[in-house]
């Protein structure tokens, strides 16, 4: 069962359930890089390989590496959504439903 079936945004945090920092230090960029082909219009768009998907973005919040996964990924590519959720579970990472607010 997908505990995040109704989430608009899912934050996968680079902290394990025991509070340990997840390694390697570039895990968020690596995960988002793998997911970069899943995007509006697909990976066939010119230059699509040069940036992250807007549906799976690495960031740092409060000094903690995170990947923000948007619900559009689940809607358009359910297997890709399952992949990132299972990545978080398999690595015992903290995952929370949240909403990233735009900068003021």
N, C-alpha and C. Protein backbone atom coordinates (compact mmCIF):
# COMPACT_ATOMS: atom_id res chain seq x y z
N UNK A 1 0.83 -1.18 0.00
CA UNK A 1 0.00 0.00 0.00
C UNK A 1 0.88 1.25 0.00
N UNK A 2 0.50 2.25 -0.78
CA UNK A 2 1.23 3.49 -0.86
C UNK A 2 0.70 4.44 0.21
N UNK A 3 1.50 4.66 1.26
CA UNK A 3 1.10 5.55 2.34
C UNK A 3 1.00 6.99 1.86
N UNK A 4 1.55 7.29 0.70
CA UNK A 4 1.59 8.65 0.19
C UNK A 4 0.71 8.82 -1.04
N UNK A 5 -0.34 8.03 -1.14
CA UNK A 5 -1.20 8.02 -2.33
C UNK A 5 -1.89 9.35 -2.58
N UNK A 6 -2.10 10.15 -1.55
CA UNK A 6 -2.79 11.43 -1.73
C UNK A 6 -1.87 12.63 -1.55
N UNK A 7 -0.59 12.39 -1.45
CA UNK A 7 0.37 13.48 -1.25
C UNK A 7 0.50 14.34 -2.49
N UNK A 8 0.60 15.64 -2.28
CA UNK A 8 0.91 16.56 -3.38
C UNK A 8 2.42 16.63 -3.57
N UNK A 9 3.14 16.64 -2.45
CA UNK A 9 4.60 16.60 -2.48
C UNK A 9 5.08 15.68 -1.37
N UNK A 10 6.10 14.92 -1.70
CA UNK A 10 6.72 14.02 -0.75
C UNK A 10 8.17 14.44 -0.60
N UNK A 11 8.60 14.63 0.63
CA UNK A 11 9.99 14.96 0.89
C UNK A 11 10.70 13.71 1.39
N UNK A 12 11.70 13.27 0.65
CA UNK A 12 12.55 12.18 1.10
C UNK A 12 13.78 12.84 1.70
N UNK A 13 13.95 12.67 2.99
CA UNK A 13 15.02 13.36 3.71
C UNK A 13 16.23 12.45 3.88
N UNK A 14 17.39 13.04 3.85
CA UNK A 14 18.63 12.29 3.98
C UNK A 14 19.00 11.96 5.41
N UNK A 15 17.99 11.58 6.19
CA UNK A 15 18.16 11.19 7.58
C UNK A 15 17.42 9.87 7.77
N UNK A 16 18.08 8.89 8.36
CA UNK A 16 17.43 7.61 8.59
C UNK A 16 16.46 7.72 9.76
N UNK A 17 15.65 6.69 9.95
CA UNK A 17 14.70 6.71 11.06
C UNK A 17 15.41 6.76 12.42
N UNK A 18 16.69 6.39 12.44
CA UNK A 18 17.47 6.45 13.68
C UNK A 18 18.24 7.75 13.82
N UNK A 19 18.04 8.69 12.87
CA UNK A 19 18.68 10.00 12.96
C UNK A 19 20.07 10.09 12.36
N UNK A 20 20.50 9.07 11.64
CA UNK A 20 21.82 9.08 11.01
C UNK A 20 21.76 9.77 9.65
N UNK A 21 22.81 10.51 9.30
CA UNK A 21 22.88 11.15 7.99
C UNK A 21 23.13 10.07 6.95
N UNK A 22 22.34 10.11 5.88
CA UNK A 22 22.45 9.13 4.80
C UNK A 22 23.64 9.46 3.92
N UNK A 23 24.37 8.45 3.52
CA UNK A 23 25.54 8.59 2.64
C UNK A 23 25.33 7.76 1.40
N UNK A 24 25.91 8.13 0.28
CA UNK A 24 26.91 9.17 0.07
C UNK A 24 26.29 10.56 0.12
N UNK A 25 27.13 11.56 0.27
CA UNK A 25 26.64 12.92 0.45
C UNK A 25 25.90 13.46 -0.78
N UNK A 26 26.11 12.87 -1.95
CA UNK A 26 25.42 13.34 -3.16
C UNK A 26 24.25 12.44 -3.55
N UNK A 27 23.69 11.72 -2.59
CA UNK A 27 22.61 10.77 -2.89
C UNK A 27 21.41 11.48 -3.52
N UNK A 28 21.07 12.69 -3.07
CA UNK A 28 19.89 13.38 -3.58
C UNK A 28 20.07 13.75 -5.06
N UNK A 29 21.24 14.23 -5.41
CA UNK A 29 21.53 14.57 -6.80
C UNK A 29 21.53 13.32 -7.68
N UNK A 30 22.05 12.23 -7.15
CA UNK A 30 22.06 10.97 -7.91
C UNK A 30 20.65 10.47 -8.17
N UNK A 31 19.82 10.46 -7.13
CA UNK A 31 18.44 9.99 -7.28
C UNK A 31 17.68 10.88 -8.26
N UNK A 32 17.80 12.20 -8.11
CA UNK A 32 17.11 13.11 -9.02
C UNK A 32 17.66 12.98 -10.44
N UNK A 33 18.94 12.69 -10.57
CA UNK A 33 19.51 12.48 -11.91
C UNK A 33 18.93 11.27 -12.60
N UNK A 34 18.74 10.20 -11.85
CA UNK A 34 18.12 8.99 -12.41
C UNK A 34 16.70 9.30 -12.86
N UNK A 35 16.02 10.15 -12.12
CA UNK A 35 14.62 10.47 -12.41
C UNK A 35 14.47 11.60 -13.42
N UNK A 36 15.56 12.17 -13.93
CA UNK A 36 15.48 13.35 -14.79
C UNK A 36 14.73 13.11 -16.09
N UNK A 37 14.68 11.88 -16.55
CA UNK A 37 13.97 11.60 -17.81
C UNK A 37 12.45 11.65 -17.67
N UNK A 38 11.96 11.59 -16.44
CA UNK A 38 10.52 11.64 -16.20
C UNK A 38 10.12 13.09 -15.99
N UNK A 39 9.50 13.66 -17.03
CA UNK A 39 9.19 15.08 -17.02
C UNK A 39 8.03 15.36 -17.95
N UNK A 40 7.40 16.54 -17.83
CA UNK A 40 6.36 16.90 -18.78
C UNK A 40 6.93 16.88 -20.20
N UNK A 41 6.26 16.24 -21.10
CA UNK A 41 6.73 16.15 -22.47
C UNK A 41 7.69 15.01 -22.72
N UNK A 42 8.13 14.34 -21.67
CA UNK A 42 9.02 13.19 -21.82
C UNK A 42 10.47 13.57 -22.03
N UNK A 43 11.30 12.56 -22.10
CA UNK A 43 12.74 12.77 -22.21
C UNK A 43 13.18 13.09 -23.63
N UNK A 44 12.27 13.06 -24.59
CA UNK A 44 12.63 13.33 -25.98
C UNK A 44 12.77 14.82 -26.28
N UNK A 45 12.39 15.67 -25.35
CA UNK A 45 12.50 17.11 -25.58
C UNK A 45 13.97 17.50 -25.66
N UNK A 46 14.33 18.42 -26.56
CA UNK A 46 15.72 18.86 -26.65
C UNK A 46 16.21 19.42 -25.31
N UNK A 47 17.37 18.98 -24.89
CA UNK A 47 17.96 19.46 -23.65
C UNK A 47 17.41 18.83 -22.39
N UNK A 48 16.49 17.87 -22.50
CA UNK A 48 15.87 17.27 -21.32
C UNK A 48 16.90 16.59 -20.42
N UNK A 49 17.98 16.13 -21.00
CA UNK A 49 18.99 15.42 -20.22
C UNK A 49 19.90 16.37 -19.43
N UNK A 50 19.72 17.67 -19.61
CA UNK A 50 20.62 18.64 -18.99
C UNK A 50 20.16 19.14 -17.62
N UNK A 51 18.98 18.75 -17.20
CA UNK A 51 18.48 19.24 -15.92
C UNK A 51 17.60 18.23 -15.23
N UNK A 52 17.25 18.55 -14.01
CA UNK A 52 16.39 17.68 -13.23
C UNK A 52 14.95 17.81 -13.69
N UNK A 53 14.19 16.77 -13.46
CA UNK A 53 12.76 16.81 -13.71
C UNK A 53 12.11 17.74 -12.70
N UNK A 54 11.11 18.52 -13.10
CA UNK A 54 10.41 19.34 -12.11
C UNK A 54 9.60 18.50 -11.13
N UNK A 55 9.48 17.21 -11.41
CA UNK A 55 8.73 16.30 -10.55
C UNK A 55 9.59 15.64 -9.49
N UNK A 56 10.91 15.79 -9.57
CA UNK A 56 11.82 15.13 -8.63
C UNK A 56 13.08 15.99 -8.52
N UNK A 57 13.12 16.83 -7.50
CA UNK A 57 14.15 17.86 -7.40
C UNK A 57 14.96 17.72 -6.11
N UNK A 58 16.30 17.71 -6.23
CA UNK A 58 17.11 17.70 -5.02
C UNK A 58 17.18 19.10 -4.41
N UNK A 59 17.23 19.15 -3.10
CA UNK A 59 17.34 20.44 -2.42
C UNK A 59 17.93 20.19 -1.03
N UNK A 60 18.21 21.26 -0.33
CA UNK A 60 18.66 21.17 1.05
C UNK A 60 17.71 22.03 1.89
N UNK A 61 17.16 21.44 2.92
CA UNK A 61 16.24 22.14 3.82
C UNK A 61 16.74 21.99 5.24
N UNK A 62 17.03 23.10 5.87
CA UNK A 62 17.52 23.06 7.25
C UNK A 62 18.82 22.28 7.38
N UNK A 63 19.66 22.34 6.35
CA UNK A 63 20.93 21.64 6.37
C UNK A 63 20.84 20.16 6.06
N UNK A 64 19.65 19.68 5.70
CA UNK A 64 19.45 18.26 5.40
C UNK A 64 19.17 18.09 3.92
N UNK A 65 19.92 17.22 3.26
CA UNK A 65 19.67 16.93 1.85
C UNK A 65 18.31 16.24 1.74
N UNK A 66 17.55 16.65 0.73
CA UNK A 66 16.22 16.10 0.49
C UNK A 66 15.98 15.97 -1.01
N UNK A 67 15.01 15.16 -1.35
CA UNK A 67 14.48 15.13 -2.70
C UNK A 67 12.99 15.41 -2.57
N UNK A 68 12.52 16.42 -3.29
CA UNK A 68 11.10 16.76 -3.31
C UNK A 68 10.50 16.07 -4.52
N UNK A 69 9.51 15.22 -4.26
CA UNK A 69 8.86 14.45 -5.33
C UNK A 69 7.41 14.93 -5.42
N UNK A 70 7.05 15.43 -6.58
CA UNK A 70 5.71 15.98 -6.79
C UNK A 70 4.73 14.90 -7.27
N UNK A 71 3.47 15.10 -6.96
CA UNK A 71 2.43 14.12 -7.29
C UNK A 71 2.29 13.88 -8.79
N UNK A 72 2.69 14.83 -9.62
CA UNK A 72 2.61 14.64 -11.07
C UNK A 72 3.41 13.43 -11.52
N UNK A 73 4.49 13.12 -10.82
CA UNK A 73 5.27 11.93 -11.16
C UNK A 73 4.41 10.69 -10.97
N UNK A 74 3.69 10.61 -9.86
CA UNK A 74 2.82 9.46 -9.59
C UNK A 74 1.73 9.36 -10.65
N UNK A 75 1.16 10.50 -11.04
CA UNK A 75 0.07 10.50 -12.01
C UNK A 75 0.53 10.10 -13.40
N UNK A 76 1.70 10.57 -13.82
CA UNK A 76 2.18 10.32 -15.17
C UNK A 76 3.02 9.05 -15.29
N UNK A 77 3.78 8.73 -14.24
CA UNK A 77 4.70 7.59 -14.28
C UNK A 77 4.63 6.82 -12.95
N UNK A 78 3.58 6.02 -12.74
CA UNK A 78 3.40 5.34 -11.45
C UNK A 78 4.59 4.45 -11.06
N UNK A 79 5.23 3.82 -12.02
CA UNK A 79 6.38 2.96 -11.68
C UNK A 79 7.57 3.80 -11.20
N UNK A 80 7.74 4.98 -11.76
CA UNK A 80 8.81 5.87 -11.31
C UNK A 80 8.53 6.36 -9.89
N UNK A 81 7.26 6.68 -9.61
CA UNK A 81 6.86 7.07 -8.25
C UNK A 81 7.18 5.94 -7.27
N UNK A 82 6.79 4.73 -7.63
CA UNK A 82 7.07 3.58 -6.77
C UNK A 82 8.56 3.42 -6.54
N UNK A 83 9.36 3.67 -7.57
CA UNK A 83 10.81 3.54 -7.45
C UNK A 83 11.36 4.49 -6.38
N UNK A 84 10.97 5.78 -6.43
CA UNK A 84 11.52 6.72 -5.46
C UNK A 84 11.00 6.47 -4.05
N UNK A 85 9.72 6.09 -3.93
CA UNK A 85 9.17 5.77 -2.61
C UNK A 85 9.88 4.54 -2.04
N UNK A 86 10.09 3.53 -2.86
CA UNK A 86 10.78 2.33 -2.39
C UNK A 86 12.25 2.62 -2.09
N UNK A 87 12.88 3.54 -2.81
CA UNK A 87 14.24 3.95 -2.48
C UNK A 87 14.29 4.48 -1.05
N UNK A 88 13.35 5.35 -0.73
CA UNK A 88 13.30 5.90 0.63
C UNK A 88 13.06 4.82 1.67
N UNK A 89 12.13 3.94 1.40
CA UNK A 89 11.83 2.86 2.36
C UNK A 89 13.01 1.90 2.50
N UNK A 90 13.57 1.49 1.37
CA UNK A 90 14.67 0.52 1.39
C UNK A 90 15.89 1.05 2.14
N UNK A 91 16.07 2.37 2.13
CA UNK A 91 17.21 2.98 2.79
C UNK A 91 16.86 3.57 4.15
N UNK A 92 15.63 3.26 4.63
CA UNK A 92 15.16 3.68 5.95
C UNK A 92 15.23 5.20 6.13
N UNK A 93 14.91 5.94 5.05
CA UNK A 93 14.95 7.39 5.10
C UNK A 93 13.62 7.95 5.60
N UNK A 94 13.69 9.08 6.27
CA UNK A 94 12.48 9.74 6.72
C UNK A 94 11.79 10.35 5.51
N UNK A 95 10.49 10.11 5.41
CA UNK A 95 9.70 10.66 4.32
C UNK A 95 8.48 11.33 4.92
N UNK A 96 8.20 12.55 4.45
CA UNK A 96 7.07 13.30 4.97
C UNK A 96 6.30 13.96 3.83
N UNK A 97 5.01 14.08 4.03
CA UNK A 97 4.18 14.85 3.11
C UNK A 97 4.36 16.31 3.49
N UNK A 98 4.56 17.14 2.49
CA UNK A 98 4.76 18.55 2.77
C UNK A 98 4.46 19.34 1.51
N UNK A 99 4.60 20.63 1.63
CA UNK A 99 4.39 21.51 0.49
C UNK A 99 5.52 22.54 0.51
N UNK A 100 6.30 22.57 -0.55
CA UNK A 100 7.38 23.53 -0.67
C UNK A 100 6.80 24.85 -1.15
N UNK A 101 6.92 25.87 -0.33
CA UNK A 101 6.37 27.17 -0.66
C UNK A 101 7.36 27.97 -1.50
N UNK A 102 6.86 28.75 -2.44
CA UNK A 102 7.77 29.56 -3.25
C UNK A 102 8.45 30.63 -2.39
N UNK A 103 9.63 31.08 -2.84
CA UNK A 103 10.34 32.14 -2.12
C UNK A 103 9.49 33.42 -2.14
N UNK A 104 9.57 34.18 -1.05
CA UNK A 104 8.79 35.42 -0.94
C UNK A 104 9.31 36.48 -1.90
